[in-house]
N, C-alpha and C. Protein backbone atom coordinates (compact mmCIF):
# COMPACT_ATOMS: atom_id res chain seq x y z
N PHE A 1 113.18 97.69 116.61
CA PHE A 1 112.27 98.81 116.56
C PHE A 1 111.16 98.66 117.60
N LEU A 2 110.59 97.48 117.67
CA LEU A 2 109.51 97.25 118.62
C LEU A 2 109.98 97.30 120.07
N THR A 3 111.26 97.10 120.28
CA THR A 3 111.78 97.14 121.65
C THR A 3 112.27 98.54 122.03
N GLY A 4 112.10 99.50 121.14
CA GLY A 4 112.48 100.87 121.43
C GLY A 4 113.87 101.24 120.98
N ASP A 5 114.58 100.32 120.36
CA ASP A 5 115.93 100.61 119.87
C ASP A 5 115.85 101.14 118.45
N VAL A 6 115.49 102.40 118.33
CA VAL A 6 115.28 103.01 117.01
C VAL A 6 116.58 103.05 116.22
N THR A 7 117.67 103.40 116.89
CA THR A 7 118.97 103.47 116.21
C THR A 7 119.39 102.10 115.70
N GLY A 8 119.23 101.08 116.53
CA GLY A 8 119.56 99.72 116.11
C GLY A 8 118.67 99.24 114.99
N ALA A 9 117.39 99.57 115.07
CA ALA A 9 116.45 99.17 114.02
C ALA A 9 116.83 99.82 112.70
N LYS A 10 117.19 101.09 112.76
CA LYS A 10 117.59 101.80 111.54
C LYS A 10 118.83 101.15 110.93
N ALA A 11 119.80 100.82 111.76
CA ALA A 11 121.01 100.16 111.27
C ALA A 11 120.67 98.81 110.63
N ASP A 12 119.80 98.05 111.28
CA ASP A 12 119.41 96.74 110.74
C ASP A 12 118.67 96.89 109.41
N LEU A 13 117.77 97.86 109.33
CA LEU A 13 117.02 98.05 108.09
C LEU A 13 117.92 98.53 106.96
N LEU A 14 118.86 99.40 107.27
CA LEU A 14 119.82 99.84 106.25
C LEU A 14 120.69 98.67 105.79
N ALA A 15 121.07 97.79 106.72
CA ALA A 15 121.84 96.59 106.35
C ALA A 15 121.00 95.68 105.47
N SER A 16 119.73 95.53 105.79
CA SER A 16 118.82 94.73 104.97
C SER A 16 118.74 95.29 103.55
N LEU A 17 118.64 96.61 103.46
CA LEU A 17 118.54 97.24 102.13
C LEU A 17 119.86 97.17 101.37
N ALA A 18 120.98 97.08 102.08
CA ALA A 18 122.27 96.91 101.40
C ALA A 18 122.32 95.54 100.72
N VAL A 19 121.69 94.55 101.34
CA VAL A 19 121.66 93.20 100.79
C VAL A 19 120.55 93.06 99.75
N LEU A 20 119.36 93.56 100.08
CA LEU A 20 118.19 93.48 99.19
C LEU A 20 117.60 94.88 99.01
N PRO A 21 118.18 95.67 98.10
CA PRO A 21 117.74 97.06 97.97
C PRO A 21 116.30 97.22 97.49
N ASN A 22 115.73 96.19 96.93
CA ASN A 22 114.35 96.26 96.43
C ASN A 22 113.34 95.61 97.36
N PHE A 23 113.69 95.40 98.62
CA PHE A 23 112.78 94.79 99.58
C PHE A 23 111.88 95.88 100.15
N THR A 24 110.66 95.96 99.63
CA THR A 24 109.77 97.06 100.01
C THR A 24 109.46 97.08 101.50
N GLN A 25 109.39 95.92 102.13
CA GLN A 25 109.06 95.91 103.56
C GLN A 25 110.12 96.60 104.40
N SER A 26 111.38 96.48 104.00
CA SER A 26 112.43 97.21 104.73
C SER A 26 112.29 98.71 104.52
N LEU A 27 111.93 99.11 103.31
CA LEU A 27 111.71 100.53 103.04
C LEU A 27 110.54 101.08 103.84
N VAL A 28 109.47 100.31 103.91
CA VAL A 28 108.29 100.73 104.68
C VAL A 28 108.63 100.84 106.17
N LYS A 29 109.35 99.86 106.69
CA LYS A 29 109.72 99.89 108.11
C LYS A 29 110.72 101.02 108.40
N LEU A 30 111.62 101.26 107.44
CA LEU A 30 112.56 102.37 107.61
C LEU A 30 111.82 103.71 107.64
N ALA A 31 110.75 103.81 106.88
CA ALA A 31 109.92 105.02 106.93
C ALA A 31 109.37 105.23 108.34
N SER A 32 108.95 104.15 108.98
CA SER A 32 108.45 104.25 110.36
C SER A 32 109.55 104.71 111.31
N VAL A 33 110.75 104.22 111.10
CA VAL A 33 111.88 104.66 111.92
C VAL A 33 112.11 106.16 111.73
N HIS A 34 112.06 106.62 110.48
CA HIS A 34 112.25 108.05 110.23
C HIS A 34 111.18 108.88 110.93
N MET A 35 109.95 108.38 110.96
CA MET A 35 108.90 109.10 111.67
C MET A 35 109.18 109.13 113.17
N GLU A 36 109.69 108.04 113.72
CA GLU A 36 110.07 108.03 115.13
C GLU A 36 111.15 109.06 115.41
N GLN A 37 111.97 109.32 114.40
CA GLN A 37 113.05 110.29 114.54
C GLN A 37 112.61 111.69 114.09
N SER A 38 111.31 111.88 113.91
CA SER A 38 110.74 113.17 113.51
C SER A 38 111.31 113.68 112.19
N ASP A 39 111.40 112.77 111.22
CA ASP A 39 111.91 113.13 109.90
C ASP A 39 110.93 112.66 108.82
N PRO A 40 109.79 113.37 108.69
CA PRO A 40 108.80 112.93 107.70
C PRO A 40 109.30 112.98 106.26
N ALA A 41 110.19 113.91 105.94
CA ALA A 41 110.71 113.99 104.57
C ALA A 41 111.43 112.69 104.21
N ALA A 42 112.25 112.18 105.12
CA ALA A 42 112.95 110.91 104.87
C ALA A 42 111.96 109.76 104.80
N ALA A 43 110.92 109.81 105.63
CA ALA A 43 109.90 108.75 105.59
C ALA A 43 109.22 108.73 104.22
N PHE A 44 108.82 109.89 103.73
CA PHE A 44 108.14 109.93 102.44
C PHE A 44 109.07 109.52 101.30
N LYS A 45 110.37 109.79 101.44
CA LYS A 45 111.31 109.32 100.42
C LYS A 45 111.35 107.80 100.41
N CYS A 46 111.32 107.18 101.58
CA CYS A 46 111.28 105.71 101.65
C CYS A 46 110.03 105.17 100.96
N PHE A 47 108.89 105.80 101.21
CA PHE A 47 107.66 105.36 100.54
C PHE A 47 107.78 105.52 99.03
N ASP A 48 108.33 106.66 98.59
CA ASP A 48 108.50 106.87 97.15
C ASP A 48 109.43 105.82 96.55
N ASP A 49 110.51 105.52 97.25
CA ASP A 49 111.44 104.48 96.78
C ASP A 49 110.74 103.12 96.72
N ALA A 50 109.93 102.82 97.71
CA ALA A 50 109.21 101.54 97.73
C ALA A 50 108.22 101.46 96.56
N ILE A 51 107.55 102.55 96.27
CA ILE A 51 106.60 102.57 95.14
C ILE A 51 107.33 102.36 93.83
N LYS A 52 108.54 102.92 93.71
CA LYS A 52 109.33 102.70 92.49
C LYS A 52 109.67 101.22 92.32
N VAL A 53 109.84 100.52 93.42
CA VAL A 53 110.16 99.09 93.38
C VAL A 53 108.92 98.27 93.05
N ASP A 54 107.81 98.56 93.73
CA ASP A 54 106.58 97.78 93.54
C ASP A 54 105.36 98.65 93.82
N GLU A 55 104.87 99.29 92.80
CA GLU A 55 103.73 100.20 92.96
C GLU A 55 102.43 99.47 93.30
N ARG A 56 102.45 98.15 93.26
CA ARG A 56 101.25 97.37 93.55
C ARG A 56 101.28 96.71 94.94
N ASP A 57 102.19 97.15 95.78
CA ASP A 57 102.27 96.64 97.15
C ASP A 57 101.33 97.47 98.04
N PRO A 58 100.22 96.89 98.48
CA PRO A 58 99.24 97.67 99.25
C PRO A 58 99.76 98.15 100.59
N ASP A 59 100.74 97.46 101.14
CA ASP A 59 101.27 97.82 102.45
C ASP A 59 101.94 99.19 102.43
N ILE A 60 102.54 99.54 101.30
CA ILE A 60 103.18 100.85 101.17
C ILE A 60 102.15 101.95 101.39
N TYR A 61 101.03 101.83 100.71
CA TYR A 61 100.00 102.87 100.77
C TYR A 61 99.32 102.90 102.14
N TYR A 62 99.15 101.73 102.75
CA TYR A 62 98.56 101.70 104.09
C TYR A 62 99.45 102.47 105.06
N HIS A 63 100.74 102.18 105.05
CA HIS A 63 101.65 102.82 106.00
C HIS A 63 101.87 104.29 105.67
N ARG A 64 101.88 104.63 104.39
CA ARG A 64 101.98 106.05 104.04
C ARG A 64 100.71 106.77 104.50
N GLY A 65 99.57 106.10 104.36
CA GLY A 65 98.33 106.66 104.89
C GLY A 65 98.42 106.89 106.39
N GLN A 66 99.03 105.96 107.10
CA GLN A 66 99.19 106.11 108.55
C GLN A 66 100.03 107.35 108.89
N VAL A 67 101.07 107.58 108.10
CA VAL A 67 101.90 108.76 108.34
C VAL A 67 101.09 110.04 108.10
N PHE A 68 100.37 110.08 106.99
CA PHE A 68 99.51 111.24 106.75
C PHE A 68 98.50 111.41 107.88
N PHE A 69 97.95 110.30 108.36
CA PHE A 69 96.95 110.35 109.43
C PHE A 69 97.53 110.98 110.69
N ILE A 70 98.70 110.53 111.12
CA ILE A 70 99.28 111.09 112.34
C ILE A 70 99.72 112.54 112.16
N MET A 71 99.87 112.96 110.90
CA MET A 71 100.19 114.35 110.61
C MET A 71 98.91 115.19 110.43
N ASN A 72 97.75 114.57 110.70
CA ASN A 72 96.44 115.23 110.57
C ASN A 72 96.14 115.66 109.13
N GLU A 73 96.71 114.97 108.17
CA GLU A 73 96.42 115.21 106.75
C GLU A 73 95.48 114.10 106.30
N PHE A 74 94.23 114.24 106.71
CA PHE A 74 93.26 113.15 106.57
C PHE A 74 92.84 112.88 105.13
N THR A 75 92.78 113.92 104.30
CA THR A 75 92.42 113.70 102.90
C THR A 75 93.48 112.85 102.21
N GLU A 76 94.76 113.19 102.44
CA GLU A 76 95.85 112.41 101.86
C GLU A 76 95.88 111.00 102.44
N ALA A 77 95.60 110.89 103.72
CA ALA A 77 95.53 109.56 104.34
C ALA A 77 94.46 108.73 103.66
N ALA A 78 93.28 109.31 103.46
CA ALA A 78 92.18 108.58 102.83
C ALA A 78 92.54 108.15 101.41
N GLU A 79 93.23 109.00 100.67
CA GLU A 79 93.66 108.64 99.31
C GLU A 79 94.56 107.41 99.34
N ASN A 80 95.47 107.37 100.30
CA ASN A 80 96.38 106.22 100.40
C ASN A 80 95.68 104.97 100.88
N TYR A 81 94.77 105.10 101.83
CA TYR A 81 94.00 103.94 102.27
C TYR A 81 93.15 103.39 101.13
N THR A 82 92.57 104.30 100.34
CA THR A 82 91.77 103.87 99.19
C THR A 82 92.62 103.07 98.22
N LYS A 83 93.81 103.58 97.92
CA LYS A 83 94.72 102.88 97.01
C LYS A 83 95.08 101.51 97.58
N SER A 84 95.34 101.44 98.86
CA SER A 84 95.68 100.17 99.49
C SER A 84 94.53 99.17 99.36
N THR A 85 93.29 99.63 99.59
CA THR A 85 92.15 98.71 99.49
C THR A 85 91.89 98.30 98.05
N GLU A 86 92.21 99.17 97.09
CA GLU A 86 92.07 98.79 95.68
C GLU A 86 93.01 97.65 95.33
N LEU A 87 94.17 97.64 95.95
CA LEU A 87 95.17 96.61 95.67
C LEU A 87 94.95 95.33 96.47
N ASP A 88 94.38 95.48 97.67
CA ASP A 88 94.09 94.32 98.53
C ASP A 88 92.92 94.68 99.42
N ASP A 89 91.76 94.14 99.10
CA ASP A 89 90.57 94.49 99.86
C ASP A 89 90.33 93.56 101.05
N THR A 90 91.31 92.73 101.40
CA THR A 90 91.12 91.75 102.48
C THR A 90 91.70 92.20 103.83
N PHE A 91 92.33 93.35 103.88
CA PHE A 91 92.96 93.82 105.12
C PHE A 91 92.00 94.78 105.82
N VAL A 92 91.39 94.31 106.88
CA VAL A 92 90.32 95.04 107.56
C VAL A 92 90.76 96.41 108.06
N PHE A 93 91.98 96.53 108.52
CA PHE A 93 92.41 97.79 109.13
C PHE A 93 92.50 98.93 108.13
N THR A 94 92.79 98.62 106.87
CA THR A 94 92.80 99.67 105.86
C THR A 94 91.40 100.25 105.69
N HIS A 95 90.40 99.39 105.69
CA HIS A 95 89.02 99.86 105.56
C HIS A 95 88.63 100.72 106.76
N ILE A 96 89.00 100.26 107.94
CA ILE A 96 88.68 101.01 109.16
C ILE A 96 89.36 102.38 109.14
N GLN A 97 90.63 102.39 108.83
CA GLN A 97 91.36 103.65 108.82
C GLN A 97 90.82 104.59 107.75
N LEU A 98 90.40 104.05 106.60
CA LEU A 98 89.80 104.88 105.57
C LEU A 98 88.55 105.57 106.12
N ALA A 99 87.70 104.81 106.78
CA ALA A 99 86.47 105.38 107.34
C ALA A 99 86.78 106.45 108.39
N VAL A 100 87.76 106.20 109.23
CA VAL A 100 88.12 107.17 110.26
C VAL A 100 88.71 108.43 109.61
N ALA A 101 89.56 108.27 108.61
CA ALA A 101 90.14 109.43 107.92
C ALA A 101 89.04 110.25 107.23
N GLN A 102 88.09 109.56 106.62
CA GLN A 102 86.97 110.28 106.00
C GLN A 102 86.20 111.06 107.06
N TYR A 103 85.95 110.45 108.19
CA TYR A 103 85.24 111.12 109.28
C TYR A 103 86.02 112.35 109.76
N LYS A 104 87.33 112.17 109.98
CA LYS A 104 88.16 113.25 110.49
C LYS A 104 88.28 114.40 109.49
N SER A 105 88.15 114.09 108.20
CA SER A 105 88.22 115.16 107.19
C SER A 105 86.85 115.80 106.96
N GLY A 106 85.86 115.41 107.74
CA GLY A 106 84.55 116.04 107.67
C GLY A 106 83.60 115.42 106.67
N ASN A 107 83.97 114.27 106.13
CA ASN A 107 83.14 113.61 105.13
C ASN A 107 82.34 112.49 105.81
N LEU A 108 81.35 112.89 106.59
CA LEU A 108 80.59 111.96 107.41
C LEU A 108 79.83 110.93 106.58
N ALA A 109 79.21 111.36 105.48
CA ALA A 109 78.42 110.42 104.66
C ALA A 109 79.31 109.31 104.10
N ASN A 110 80.46 109.67 103.55
CA ASN A 110 81.37 108.65 103.02
C ASN A 110 81.90 107.76 104.13
N SER A 111 82.19 108.36 105.27
CA SER A 111 82.69 107.60 106.41
C SER A 111 81.67 106.54 106.84
N MET A 112 80.43 106.94 106.99
CA MET A 112 79.40 105.99 107.40
C MET A 112 79.20 104.89 106.36
N ALA A 113 79.26 105.27 105.08
CA ALA A 113 79.13 104.27 104.01
C ALA A 113 80.30 103.29 104.05
N THR A 114 81.49 103.80 104.29
CA THR A 114 82.67 102.93 104.38
C THR A 114 82.55 102.00 105.57
N PHE A 115 82.10 102.51 106.71
CA PHE A 115 81.91 101.65 107.88
C PHE A 115 80.87 100.56 107.60
N ARG A 116 79.78 100.92 106.94
CA ARG A 116 78.75 99.92 106.64
C ARG A 116 79.30 98.83 105.72
N ARG A 117 80.04 99.25 104.68
CA ARG A 117 80.65 98.27 103.76
C ARG A 117 81.65 97.38 104.51
N THR A 118 82.39 97.97 105.42
CA THR A 118 83.38 97.22 106.19
C THR A 118 82.70 96.19 107.10
N LEU A 119 81.65 96.60 107.77
CA LEU A 119 80.90 95.66 108.62
C LEU A 119 80.35 94.50 107.80
N LYS A 120 79.87 94.81 106.60
CA LYS A 120 79.31 93.77 105.73
C LYS A 120 80.41 92.85 105.17
N ALA A 121 81.55 93.44 104.82
CA ALA A 121 82.64 92.67 104.21
C ALA A 121 83.38 91.80 105.23
N PHE A 122 83.33 92.19 106.51
CA PHE A 122 84.09 91.48 107.54
C PHE A 122 83.18 91.11 108.71
N PRO A 123 82.17 90.29 108.46
CA PRO A 123 81.20 89.98 109.52
C PRO A 123 81.80 89.18 110.68
N GLN A 124 82.88 88.47 110.44
CA GLN A 124 83.49 87.64 111.49
C GLN A 124 84.57 88.37 112.28
N ARG A 125 84.85 89.61 111.90
CA ARG A 125 85.90 90.38 112.58
C ARG A 125 85.27 91.30 113.62
N SER A 126 85.89 91.41 114.76
CA SER A 126 85.36 92.26 115.83
C SER A 126 85.80 93.72 115.70
N GLU A 127 86.91 93.96 115.01
CA GLU A 127 87.48 95.31 114.98
C GLU A 127 86.51 96.37 114.44
N PRO A 128 85.81 96.11 113.33
CA PRO A 128 84.90 97.17 112.83
C PRO A 128 83.82 97.55 113.84
N GLN A 129 83.42 96.60 114.67
CA GLN A 129 82.40 96.87 115.68
C GLN A 129 82.88 97.89 116.73
N ASN A 130 84.17 97.99 116.89
CA ASN A 130 84.73 98.90 117.90
C ASN A 130 84.66 100.35 117.48
N TYR A 131 84.33 100.60 116.23
CA TYR A 131 84.30 101.98 115.74
C TYR A 131 82.89 102.42 115.52
């Protein structure tokens, strides 16, 4: 997938799921492949399937948030980023993306509050400073 071989990546991920059908990371990555192929419905089905397997996997919600974000559905993106941070508050990029989604949806006060909390929670990380 990272090398641009979307078809090969899809085949590999489907093979992975044939062996381990409950491996949420393969479902999440397959969702990304579907988005590369301009098939958001299939991507969201992968996320739904992953949630059925493990509703407490924060990575599912982060990546689903990313899909909503690129579709300019910022409120839905923020909801997914919030869920991801509730499950794992140690991943800096979820906090950053939440703040950006809040900003893009016109919720400036919440966005600024989220950025301030992120700066405070991750003082040793440079990424929040870039926003």
